[in-house]
């Protein structure tokens, strides 16, 4: 029997748009979306995504995150980003930064746009083994350097996959390159990482899903976040975003997610700044000044007040 918890009462302000399942990398050991080079863009058309962005702006969403898969592979990617910016929304692009087109650098340099990416090790061989793509370390690292050089806000999530992985060295490397927002988290047992699990568990979630945050998957399914994709809460293919958020299914899903203990500092534990990104790319939910701390599972009181 699923335990119910107090449902969040705040409206959704951070909306993840998983516009594709295609990716140049394979990440067979951990990709939450099970993305890869042979996957498609799903059943949501560009017109569907434009409508959802319109509805998001109307319902109080402040930030949309384009994610995948690799969102820049979607043929309407630039058009959709421009559409969101034209409505006054902030945009975050969560990219593997394996390949960046020249025109995309121009797009990323726009005001109100930021980047997020994943990084696994300062050792190229270890990083490439995790992503399943030779040369991915060097490409991603070089594009992180370029983003910093251009003054583009960039956040880096380092995913701890196994004992002995050079995560701390990777953390130090990112700091030395001038990355201001970099954090370490463990892999979550969702998607490819759930191979040994019979069913995904809400204990793998950060405890902030559906709390000011939601995700839309490539088939139009609405979920509390991209990691919580096993908790469908409605569909924008058959209804509006506002109807989903006002529906009983969304309320039931939100109430089923165990919440964190501890007292959170305002704006440091909220989805406005992608407080719990998926693996790859999880950002620490608490105290951004404590770089490298883990975003613990929901049953652990990991969100404690800051005494700065």
C-alpha atoms as a PDB file:
ATOM      1  CA  UNK A   1       0.000   0.000   0.000  1.00  0.00           C
ATOM      2  CA  UNK A   2       1.358   3.426  -0.916  1.00  0.00           C
ATOM      3  CA  UNK A   3       1.760   5.797   2.006  1.00  0.00           C
ATOM      4  CA  UNK A   4       0.317   9.252   1.513  1.00  0.00           C
ATOM      5  CA  UNK A   5       2.067  12.368   2.736  1.00  0.00           C
ATOM      6  CA  UNK A   6       1.090  15.984   2.927  1.00  0.00           C
ATOM      7  CA  UNK A   7       0.802  17.239  -0.637  1.00  0.00           C
ATOM      8  CA  UNK A   8       2.686  20.386  -1.606  1.00  0.00           C
ATOM      9  CA  UNK A   9       0.456  23.419  -1.866  1.00  0.00           C
ATOM     10  CA  UNK A  10       2.593  25.720  -4.019  1.00  0.00           C
ATOM     11  CA  UNK A  11       2.029  26.037  -7.752  1.00  0.00           C
ATOM     12  CA  UNK A  12       4.481  24.723 -10.330  1.00  0.00           C
ATOM     13  CA  UNK A  13       7.164  27.282 -11.165  1.00  0.00           C
ATOM     14  CA  UNK A  14       9.836  24.975 -12.649  1.00  0.00           C
ATOM     15  CA  UNK A  15       8.821  22.761 -15.569  1.00  0.00           C
ATOM     16  CA  UNK A  16      11.067  20.151 -17.154  1.00  0.00           C
ATOM     17  CA  UNK A  17      10.375  19.529 -20.831  1.00  0.00           C
ATOM     18  CA  UNK A  18      11.852  16.204 -21.900  1.00  0.00           C
ATOM     19  CA  UNK A  19      11.600  16.881 -25.607  1.00  0.00           C
ATOM     20  CA  UNK A  20      13.498  13.837 -26.872  1.00  0.00           C
ATOM     21  CA  UNK A  21      14.860  10.445 -25.901  1.00  0.00           C
ATOM     22  CA  UNK A  22      17.650  10.635 -28.469  1.00  0.00           C
ATOM     23  CA  UNK A  23      21.218  11.105 -27.248  1.00  0.00           C
ATOM     24  CA  UNK A  24      24.700  10.616 -28.668  1.00  0.00           C
ATOM     25  CA  UNK A  25      25.730   8.872 -25.438  1.00  0.00           C
ATOM     26  CA  UNK A  26      24.478   5.550 -24.090  1.00  0.00           C
ATOM     27  CA  UNK A  27      25.121   5.730 -20.296  1.00  0.00           C
ATOM     28  CA  UNK A  28      23.882   2.146 -20.002  1.00  0.00           C
ATOM     29  CA  UNK A  29      24.589   1.971 -16.291  1.00  0.00           C
ATOM     30  CA  UNK A  30      22.530   4.908 -15.114  1.00  0.00           C
ATOM     31  CA  UNK A  31      20.538   7.002 -17.621  1.00  0.00           C
ATOM     32  CA  UNK A  32      17.175   7.708 -15.963  1.00  0.00           C
ATOM     33  CA  UNK A  33      15.467   8.134 -19.371  1.00  0.00           C
ATOM     34  CA  UNK A  34      17.168   5.144 -21.017  1.00  0.00           C
ATOM     35  CA  UNK A  35      18.088   7.500 -23.841  1.00  0.00           C
ATOM     36  CA  UNK A  36      20.417   6.651 -26.704  1.00  0.00           C
ATOM     37  CA  UNK A  37      21.334   7.148 -30.369  1.00  0.00           C
ATOM     38  CA  UNK A  38      18.500   4.953 -31.663  1.00  0.00           C
ATOM     39  CA  UNK A  39      15.678   6.516 -29.617  1.00  0.00           C
ATOM     40  CA  UNK A  40      13.200   8.978 -31.118  1.00  0.00           C
ATOM     41  CA  UNK A  41      11.688  12.331 -30.194  1.00  0.00           C
ATOM     42  CA  UNK A  42       8.440  10.891 -28.888  1.00  0.00           C
ATOM     43  CA  UNK A  43       4.883  11.689 -29.912  1.00  0.00           C
ATOM     44  CA  UNK A  44       4.787  15.350 -28.889  1.00  0.00           C
ATOM     45  CA  UNK A  45       4.988  17.587 -31.963  1.00  0.00           C
ATOM     46  CA  UNK A  46       6.660  20.982 -32.052  1.00  0.00           C
ATOM     47  CA  UNK A  47       3.177  22.517 -32.003  1.00  0.00           C
ATOM     48  CA  UNK A  48       2.349  20.471 -28.888  1.00  0.00           C
ATOM     49  CA  UNK A  49       5.453  21.770 -27.135  1.00  0.00           C
ATOM     50  CA  UNK A  50       4.710  25.376 -28.126  1.00  0.00           C
ATOM     51  CA  UNK A  51       1.213  25.003 -26.692  1.00  0.00           C
ATOM     52  CA  UNK A  52       2.601  23.609 -23.447  1.00  0.00           C
ATOM     53  CA  UNK A  53       5.087  26.470 -23.159  1.00  0.00           C
ATOM     54  CA  UNK A  54       2.193  28.912 -23.676  1.00  0.00           C
ATOM     55  CA  UNK A  55       0.152  27.145 -20.997  1.00  0.00           C
ATOM     56  CA  UNK A  56       3.152  27.035 -18.669  1.00  0.00           C
ATOM     57  CA  UNK A  57       3.540  30.814 -18.856  1.00  0.00           C
ATOM     58  CA  UNK A  58      -0.183  31.220 -18.203  1.00  0.00           C
ATOM     59  CA  UNK A  59      -0.147  28.953 -15.130  1.00  0.00           C
ATOM     60  CA  UNK A  60       2.721  30.694 -13.340  1.00  0.00           C
ATOM     61  CA  UNK A  61       5.743  28.687 -14.477  1.00  0.00           C
ATOM     62  CA  UNK A  62       8.852  30.868 -14.259  1.00  0.00           C
ATOM     63  CA  UNK A  63      11.540  28.543 -15.641  1.00  0.00           C
ATOM     64  CA  UNK A  64      11.431  25.809 -18.250  1.00  0.00           C
ATOM     65  CA  UNK A  65      14.231  23.298 -18.592  1.00  0.00           C
ATOM     66  CA  UNK A  66      14.839  21.607 -21.913  1.00  0.00           C
ATOM     67  CA  UNK A  67      16.168  18.144 -21.243  1.00  0.00           C
ATOM     68  CA  UNK A  68      16.301  14.707 -22.837  1.00  0.00           C
ATOM     69  CA  UNK A  69      17.997  12.676 -24.026  1.00  0.00           C
ATOM     70  CA  UNK A  70      20.024  15.432 -25.598  1.00  0.00           C
ATOM     71  CA  UNK A  71      17.558  18.298 -26.181  1.00  0.00           C
ATOM     72  CA  UNK A  72      19.686  20.039 -28.815  1.00  0.00           C
ATOM     73  CA  UNK A  73      19.099  17.040 -31.136  1.00  0.00           C
ATOM     74  CA  UNK A  74      15.398  17.865 -31.418  1.00  0.00           C
ATOM     75  CA  UNK A  75      14.764  19.590 -34.775  1.00  0.00           C
ATOM     76  CA  UNK A  76      12.654  22.312 -33.124  1.00  0.00           C
ATOM     77  CA  UNK A  77      15.002  22.890 -30.173  1.00  0.00           C
ATOM     78  CA  UNK A  78      16.102  26.446 -31.032  1.00  0.00           C
ATOM     79  CA  UNK A  79      12.575  27.431 -32.029  1.00  0.00           C
ATOM     80  CA  UNK A  80      11.175  26.197 -28.703  1.00  0.00           C
ATOM     81  CA  UNK A  81      13.827  27.993 -26.669  1.00  0.00           C
ATOM     82  CA  UNK A  82      13.109  31.214 -28.539  1.00  0.00           C
ATOM     83  CA  UNK A  83       9.397  30.716 -27.955  1.00  0.00           C
ATOM     84  CA  UNK A  84       9.911  30.356 -24.201  1.00  0.00           C
ATOM     85  CA  UNK A  85      12.178  33.400 -24.054  1.00  0.00           C
ATOM     86  CA  UNK A  86       9.627  35.411 -26.016  1.00  0.00           C
ATOM     87  CA  UNK A  87       7.090  34.727 -23.270  1.00  0.00           C
ATOM     88  CA  UNK A  88       9.466  36.030 -20.607  1.00  0.00           C
ATOM     89  CA  UNK A  89      10.373  32.602 -19.202  1.00  0.00           C
ATOM     90  CA  UNK A  90      13.799  31.699 -17.922  1.00  0.00           C
ATOM     91  CA  UNK A  91      15.335  28.783 -19.792  1.00  0.00           C
ATOM     92  CA  UNK A  92      17.790  26.143 -18.684  1.00  0.00           C
ATOM     93  CA  UNK A  93      19.215  23.731 -21.239  1.00  0.00           C
ATOM     94  CA  UNK A  94      20.410  20.474 -19.717  1.00  0.00           C
ATOM     95  CA  UNK A  95      22.855  19.188 -22.330  1.00  0.00           C
ATOM     96  CA  UNK A  96      25.596  16.586 -22.365  1.00  0.00           C
ATOM     97  CA  UNK A  97      27.723  19.267 -24.119  1.00  0.00           C
ATOM     98  CA  UNK A  98      29.192  16.552 -26.311  1.00  0.00           C
ATOM     99  CA  UNK A  99      28.625  18.620 -29.446  1.00  0.00           C
ATOM    100  CA  UNK A 100      27.581  22.285 -29.533  1.00  0.00           C
ATOM    101  CA  UNK A 101      26.619  23.963 -32.801  1.00  0.00           C
ATOM    102  CA  UNK A 102      27.839  27.479 -33.463  1.00  0.00           C
ATOM    103  CA  UNK A 103      24.292  28.837 -33.536  1.00  0.00           C
ATOM    104  CA  UNK A 104      23.567  27.190 -30.211  1.00  0.00           C
ATOM    105  CA  UNK A 105      26.404  29.108 -28.543  1.00  0.00           C
ATOM    106  CA  UNK A 106      24.627  32.276 -29.656  1.00  0.00           C
ATOM    107  CA  UNK A 107      21.376  30.956 -28.186  1.00  0.00           C
ATOM    108  CA  UNK A 108      23.024  29.929 -24.898  1.00  0.00           C
ATOM    109  CA  UNK A 109      24.501  33.415 -24.576  1.00  0.00           C
ATOM    110  CA  UNK A 110      21.058  35.025 -24.498  1.00  0.00           C
ATOM    111  CA  UNK A 111      19.929  36.644 -21.224  1.00  0.00           C
ATOM    112  CA  UNK A 112      17.701  34.356 -19.170  1.00  0.00           C
ATOM    113  CA  UNK A 113      19.433  31.204 -20.518  1.00  0.00           C
ATOM    114  CA  UNK A 114      21.651  28.906 -18.469  1.00  0.00           C
ATOM    115  CA  UNK A 115      23.262  25.514 -19.013  1.00  0.00           C
ATOM    116  CA  UNK A 116      23.391  22.338 -16.986  1.00  0.00           C
ATOM    117  CA  UNK A 117      25.500  19.269 -17.705  1.00  0.00           C
ATOM    118  CA  UNK A 118      26.845  16.044 -16.233  1.00  0.00           C
ATOM    119  CA  UNK A 119      30.450  15.103 -15.586  1.00  0.00           C
ATOM    120  CA  UNK A 120      31.798  11.891 -14.140  1.00  0.00           C
ATOM    121  CA  UNK A 121      35.560  11.971 -13.725  1.00  0.00           C
ATOM    122  CA  UNK A 122      38.676  13.975 -14.424  1.00  0.00           C
ATOM    123  CA  UNK A 123      40.052  10.759 -15.969  1.00  0.00           C
ATOM    124  CA  UNK A 124      38.995  10.653 -19.651  1.00  0.00           C
ATOM    125  CA  UNK A 125      38.975   6.864 -19.748  1.00  0.00           C
ATOM    126  CA  UNK A 126      36.701   6.585 -16.707  1.00  0.00           C
ATOM    127  CA  UNK A 127      34.330   9.288 -17.958  1.00  0.00           C
ATOM    128  CA  UNK A 128      34.119   7.739 -21.450  1.00  0.00           C
ATOM    129  CA  UNK A 129      33.475   4.276 -20.021  1.00  0.00           C
ATOM    130  CA  UNK A 130      30.463   5.643 -18.118  1.00  0.00           C
ATOM    131  CA  UNK A 131      29.003   7.529 -21.095  1.00  0.00           C
ATOM    132  CA  UNK A 132      29.747   4.778 -23.597  1.00  0.00           C
ATOM    133  CA  UNK A 133      31.245   7.287 -26.051  1.00  0.00           C
ATOM    134  CA  UNK A 134      34.978   7.618 -26.702  1.00  0.00           C
ATOM    135  CA  UNK A 135      36.039  11.237 -26.631  1.00  0.00           C
ATOM    136  CA  UNK A 136      33.005  12.422 -24.664  1.00  0.00           C
ATOM    137  CA  UNK A 137      35.156  13.560 -21.734  1.00  0.00           C
ATOM    138  CA  UNK A 138      37.343  15.820 -23.834  1.00  0.00           C
ATOM    139  CA  UNK A 139      34.387  17.266 -25.749  1.00  0.00           C
ATOM    140  CA  UNK A 140      32.266  17.947 -22.668  1.00  0.00           C
ATOM    141  CA  UNK A 141      35.176  19.421 -20.730  1.00  0.00           C
ATOM    142  CA  UNK A 142      36.142  21.691 -23.630  1.00  0.00           C
ATOM    143  CA  UNK A 143      32.565  22.942 -23.962  1.00  0.00           C
ATOM    144  CA  UNK A 144      32.312  23.588 -20.227  1.00  0.00           C
ATOM    145  CA  UNK A 145      35.459  25.701 -20.551  1.00  0.00           C
ATOM    146  CA  UNK A 146      33.928  27.535 -23.515  1.00  0.00           C
ATOM    147  CA  UNK A 147      30.688  28.219 -21.621  1.00  0.00           C
ATOM    148  CA  UNK A 148      32.665  29.708 -18.728  1.00  0.00           C
ATOM    149  CA  UNK A 149      34.744  31.777 -21.157  1.00  0.00           C
ATOM    150  CA  UNK A 150      31.589  33.179 -22.718  1.00  0.00           C
ATOM    151  CA  UNK A 151      30.115  34.036 -19.330  1.00  0.00           C
ATOM    152  CA  UNK A 152      27.215  31.593 -19.720  1.00  0.00           C
ATOM    153  CA  UNK A 153      25.862  30.393 -16.354  1.00  0.00           C
ATOM    154  CA  UNK A 154      26.626  26.684 -16.150  1.00  0.00           C
ATOM    155  CA  UNK A 155      25.946  24.089 -13.475  1.00  0.00           C
ATOM    156  CA  UNK A 156      27.745  20.761 -13.377  1.00  0.00           C
ATOM    157  CA  UNK A 157      26.411  17.632 -11.688  1.00  0.00           C
ATOM    158  CA  UNK A 158      28.957  14.925 -10.887  1.00  0.00           C
ATOM    159  CA  UNK A 159      27.348  11.511 -10.460  1.00  0.00           C
ATOM    160  CA  UNK A 160      28.987   9.040  -8.112  1.00  0.00           C
ATOM    161  CA  UNK A 161      28.531   5.658  -9.772  1.00  0.00           C
ATOM    162  CA  UNK A 162      30.883   3.381  -7.858  1.00  0.00           C
ATOM    163  CA  UNK A 163      33.533   3.140  -5.174  1.00  0.00           C
ATOM    164  CA  UNK A 164      36.865   4.544  -6.248  1.00  0.00           C
ATOM    165  CA  UNK A 165      35.412   6.820  -8.913  1.00  0.00           C
ATOM    166  CA  UNK A 166      37.337  10.077  -9.213  1.00  0.00           C
ATOM    167  CA  UNK A 167      34.392  12.268  -8.256  1.00  0.00           C
ATOM    168  CA  UNK A 168      36.252  14.457  -5.771  1.00  0.00           C
ATOM    169  CA  UNK A 169      39.000  15.070  -8.309  1.00  0.00           C
ATOM    170  CA  UNK A 170      36.340  15.964 -10.873  1.00  0.00           C
ATOM    171  CA  UNK A 171      34.791  18.377  -8.385  1.00  0.00           C
ATOM    172  CA  UNK A 172      38.128  20.064  -7.801  1.00  0.00           C
ATOM    173  CA  UNK A 173      38.747  20.218 -11.544  1.00  0.00           C
ATOM    174  CA  UNK A 174      35.431  21.951 -12.232  1.00  0.00           C
ATOM    175  CA  UNK A 175      36.106  24.495  -9.522  1.00  0.00           C
ATOM    176  CA  UNK A 176      39.548  25.170 -10.961  1.00  0.00           C
ATOM    177  CA  UNK A 177      37.959  25.795 -14.363  1.00  0.00           C
ATOM    178  CA  UNK A 178      35.759  28.495 -12.863  1.00  0.00           C
ATOM    179  CA  UNK A 179      32.457  26.606 -12.646  1.00  0.00           C
ATOM    180  CA  UNK A 180      30.535  28.331  -9.862  1.00  0.00           C
ATOM    181  CA  UNK A 181      27.803  25.702  -9.397  1.00  0.00           C
ATOM    182  CA  UNK A 182      29.087  22.148  -9.135  1.00  0.00           C
ATOM    183  CA  UNK A 183      27.826  19.355  -6.902  1.00  0.00           C
ATOM    184  CA  UNK A 184      28.201  15.616  -6.352  1.00  0.00           C
ATOM    185  CA  UNK A 185      25.360  13.141  -5.958  1.00  0.00           C
ATOM    186  CA  UNK A 186      24.937   9.387  -6.056  1.00  0.00           C
ATOM    187  CA  UNK A 187      23.239   7.598  -8.910  1.00  0.00           C
ATOM    188  CA  UNK A 188      19.497   6.948  -8.466  1.00  0.00           C
ATOM    189  CA  UNK A 189      17.866   3.567  -9.095  1.00  0.00           C
ATOM    190  CA  UNK A 190      15.647   4.799 -11.928  1.00  0.00           C
ATOM    191  CA  UNK A 191      15.807   3.861 -15.603  1.00  0.00           C
ATOM    192  CA  UNK A 192      19.023   2.067 -16.545  1.00  0.00           C
ATOM    193  CA  UNK A 193      20.184   2.174 -12.936  1.00  0.00           C
ATOM    194  CA  UNK A 194      17.135   0.185 -11.806  1.00  0.00           C
ATOM    195  CA  UNK A 195      18.134  -3.060 -13.514  1.00  0.00           C
ATOM    196  CA  UNK A 196      18.147  -4.994 -10.259  1.00  0.00           C
ATOM    197  CA  UNK A 197      15.035  -3.333  -8.841  1.00  0.00           C
ATOM    198  CA  UNK A 198      11.630  -4.954  -9.270  1.00  0.00           C
ATOM    199  CA  UNK A 199       9.893  -1.585  -9.197  1.00  0.00           C
ATOM    200  CA  UNK A 200      11.142   2.002  -8.914  1.00  0.00           C
ATOM    201  CA  UNK A 201      10.720   3.403  -5.423  1.00  0.00           C
ATOM    202  CA  UNK A 202       9.788   6.859  -4.199  1.00  0.00           C
ATOM    203  CA  UNK A 203      12.668   6.478  -1.738  1.00  0.00           C
ATOM    204  CA  UNK A 204      14.978   7.199  -4.675  1.00  0.00           C
ATOM    205  CA  UNK A 205      13.455  10.656  -5.118  1.00  0.00           C
ATOM    206  CA  UNK A 206      14.799  13.761  -3.408  1.00  0.00           C
ATOM    207  CA  UNK A 207      11.499  14.507  -1.707  1.00  0.00           C
ATOM    208  CA  UNK A 208      10.951  17.738  -3.634  1.00  0.00           C
ATOM    209  CA  UNK A 209       9.224  16.299  -6.697  1.00  0.00           C
ATOM    210  CA  UNK A 210       5.854  17.940  -7.407  1.00  0.00           C
ATOM    211  CA  UNK A 211       6.727  20.712  -4.961  1.00  0.00           C
ATOM    212  CA  UNK A 212       6.753  23.648  -7.332  1.00  0.00           C
ATOM    213  CA  UNK A 213       8.130  21.317  -9.980  1.00  0.00           C
ATOM    214  CA  UNK A 214       6.826  19.029 -12.712  1.00  0.00           C
ATOM    215  CA  UNK A 215       8.006  17.285 -15.859  1.00  0.00           C
ATOM    216  CA  UNK A 216       6.495  16.484 -19.229  1.00  0.00           C
ATOM    217  CA  UNK A 217       7.835  13.399 -20.981  1.00  0.00           C
ATOM    218  CA  UNK A 218       8.192  12.882 -24.763  1.00  0.00           C
ATOM    219  CA  UNK A 219       4.773  11.215 -25.007  1.00  0.00           C
ATOM    220  CA  UNK A 220       2.990  14.008 -23.133  1.00  0.00           C
ATOM    221  CA  UNK A 221       2.859  12.240 -19.784  1.00  0.00           C
ATOM    222  CA  UNK A 222       3.074  14.620 -16.835  1.00  0.00           C
ATOM    223  CA  UNK A 223       5.218  13.431 -13.925  1.00  0.00           C
ATOM    224  CA  UNK A 224       6.349  15.053 -10.666  1.00  0.00           C
ATOM    225  CA  UNK A 225       9.893  15.260 -12.095  1.00  0.00           C
ATOM    226  CA  UNK A 226      11.907  13.386 -14.704  1.00  0.00           C
ATOM    227  CA  UNK A 227      13.202  11.000 -12.052  1.00  0.00           C
ATOM    228  CA  UNK A 228       9.636  10.379 -10.928  1.00  0.00           C
ATOM    229  CA  UNK A 229       8.619   9.227 -14.416  1.00  0.00           C
ATOM    230  CA  UNK A 230       7.191   6.027 -12.895  1.00  0.00           C
ATOM    231  CA  UNK A 231       4.486   8.185 -11.238  1.00  0.00           C
ATOM    232  CA  UNK A 232       2.293   9.385 -14.137  1.00  0.00           C
ATOM    233  CA  UNK A 233       0.014  12.197 -13.042  1.00  0.00           C
ATOM    234  CA  UNK A 234      -1.869  12.957 -16.239  1.00  0.00           C
ATOM    235  CA  UNK A 235      -1.281  13.775 -19.888  1.00  0.00           C
ATOM    236  CA  UNK A 236      -1.111  17.001 -21.871  1.00  0.00           C
ATOM    237  CA  UNK A 237      -1.962  15.055 -25.021  1.00  0.00           C
ATOM    238  CA  UNK A 238      -5.510  14.682 -23.744  1.00  0.00           C
ATOM    239  CA  UNK A 239      -5.891  17.797 -21.617  1.00  0.00           C
ATOM    240  CA  UNK A 240      -4.389  21.121 -20.673  1.00  0.00           C
ATOM    241  CA  UNK A 241      -1.517  21.622 -18.260  1.00  0.00           C
ATOM    242  CA  UNK A 242      -3.788  23.576 -15.920  1.00  0.00           C
ATOM    243  CA  UNK A 243      -6.322  20.722 -15.896  1.00  0.00           C
ATOM    244  CA  UNK A 244      -3.597  18.218 -15.004  1.00  0.00           C
ATOM    245  CA  UNK A 245      -2.332  20.318 -12.092  1.00  0.00           C
ATOM    246  CA  UNK A 246      -5.890  20.802 -10.835  1.00  0.00           C
ATOM    247  CA  UNK A 247      -6.753  17.112 -11.149  1.00  0.00           C
ATOM    248  CA  UNK A 248      -7.055  14.428  -8.509  1.00  0.00           C
ATOM    249  CA  UNK A 249      -4.388  12.245 -10.107  1.00  0.00           C
ATOM    250  CA  UNK A 250      -1.763  14.990  -9.717  1.00  0.00           C
ATOM    251  CA  UNK A 251      -2.825  15.498  -6.084  1.00  0.00           C
ATOM    252  CA  UNK A 252      -2.588  11.761  -5.366  1.00  0.00           C
ATOM    253  CA  UNK A 253       0.857  11.474  -6.935  1.00  0.00           C
ATOM    254  CA  UNK A 254       2.141  14.548  -5.089  1.00  0.00           C
ATOM    255  CA  UNK A 255       0.838  13.181  -1.801  1.00  0.00           C
ATOM    256  CA  UNK A 256       2.512   9.800  -2.372  1.00  0.00           C
ATOM    257  CA  UNK A 257       6.044  11.239  -2.370  1.00  0.00           C
ATOM    258  CA  UNK A 258       7.757  11.248   1.054  1.00  0.00           C
ATOM    259  CA  UNK A 259       8.919  14.713   2.000  1.00  0.00           C
ATOM    260  CA  UNK A 260      12.265  15.688   3.483  1.00  0.00           C
ATOM    261  CA  UNK A 261      12.835  16.356   7.134  1.00  0.00           C
ATOM    262  CA  UNK A 262      14.642  19.447   8.328  1.00  0.00           C
ATOM    263  CA  UNK A 263      13.997  23.104   7.744  1.00  0.00           C
ATOM    264  CA  UNK A 264      14.947  24.398   4.329  1.00  0.00           C
ATOM    265  CA  UNK A 265      16.402  27.789   3.689  1.00  0.00           C
ATOM    266  CA  UNK A 266      14.170  29.738   1.284  1.00  0.00           C
ATOM    267  CA  UNK A 267      15.266  29.521  -2.362  1.00  0.00           C
ATOM    268  CA  UNK A 268      18.039  26.996  -1.680  1.00  0.00           C
ATOM    269  CA  UNK A 269      15.836  23.916  -1.608  1.00  0.00           C
ATOM    270  CA  UNK A 270      13.311  24.789  -4.268  1.00  0.00           C
ATOM    271  CA  UNK A 271      12.909  23.629  -7.850  1.00  0.00           C
ATOM    272  CA  UNK A 272      13.347  27.189  -9.104  1.00  0.00           C
ATOM    273  CA  UNK A 273      17.059  26.435  -9.352  1.00  0.00           C
ATOM    274  CA  UNK A 274      16.678  22.792 -10.392  1.00  0.00           C
ATOM    275  CA  UNK A 275      17.144  21.634  -6.823  1.00  0.00           C
ATOM    276  CA  UNK A 276      17.034  17.955  -7.642  1.00  0.00           C
ATOM    277  CA  UNK A 277      18.133  17.218 -11.147  1.00  0.00           C
ATOM    278  CA  UNK A 278      18.002  13.728 -12.547  1.00  0.00           C
ATOM    279  CA  UNK A 279      20.901  11.415 -12.806  1.00  0.00           C
ATOM    280  CA  UNK A 280      22.808  12.256 -14.895  1.00  0.00           C
ATOM    281  CA  UNK A 281      23.023  15.771 -13.605  1.00  0.00           C
ATOM    282  CA  UNK A 282      21.685  15.822 -10.062  1.00  0.00           C
ATOM    283  CA  UNK A 283      22.263  19.073  -8.258  1.00  0.00           C
ATOM    284  CA  UNK A 284      22.496  19.109  -4.489  1.00  0.00           C
ATOM    285  CA  UNK A 285      19.217  20.293  -3.031  1.00  0.00           C
ATOM    286  CA  UNK A 286      20.609  21.957   0.039  1.00  0.00           C
ATOM    287  CA  UNK A 287      23.020  24.750   0.834  1.00  0.00           C
ATOM    288  CA  UNK A 288      24.637  25.691  -2.472  1.00  0.00           C
ATOM    289  CA  UNK A 289      27.617  26.956  -0.502  1.00  0.00           C
ATOM    290  CA  UNK A 290      28.393  23.406   0.583  1.00  0.00           C
ATOM    291  CA  UNK A 291      29.599  22.183  -2.790  1.00  0.00           C
ATOM    292  CA  UNK A 292      30.050  18.476  -3.028  1.00  0.00           C
ATOM    293  CA  UNK A 293      27.459  17.464  -0.439  1.00  0.00           C
ATOM    294  CA  UNK A 294      25.055  14.696  -1.348  1.00  0.00           C
ATOM    295  CA  UNK A 295      21.388  15.072  -2.205  1.00  0.00           C
ATOM    296  CA  UNK A 296      20.263  12.273   0.079  1.00  0.00           C
ATOM    297  CA  UNK A 297      17.120  10.182  -0.408  1.00  0.00           C
ATOM    298  CA  UNK A 298      13.848  11.551   0.860  1.00  0.00           C
ATOM    299  CA  UNK A 299      13.860   9.498   4.046  1.00  0.00           C
ATOM    300  CA  UNK A 300      17.086  11.197   5.146  1.00  0.00           C
ATOM    301  CA  UNK A 301      16.775  14.703   6.656  1.00  0.00           C
ATOM    302  CA  UNK A 302      19.296  16.136   4.234  1.00  0.00           C
ATOM    303  CA  UNK A 303      17.903  19.647   3.970  1.00  0.00           C
ATOM    304  CA  UNK A 304      19.148  21.472   7.021  1.00  0.00           C
ATOM    305  CA  UNK A 305      19.208  25.215   7.656  1.00  0.00           C
ATOM    306  CA  UNK A 306      22.213  27.274   6.686  1.00  0.00           C
ATOM    307  CA  UNK A 307      23.954  29.354   9.313  1.00  0.00           C
ATOM    308  CA  UNK A 308      25.749  31.711   6.951  1.00  0.00           C
END
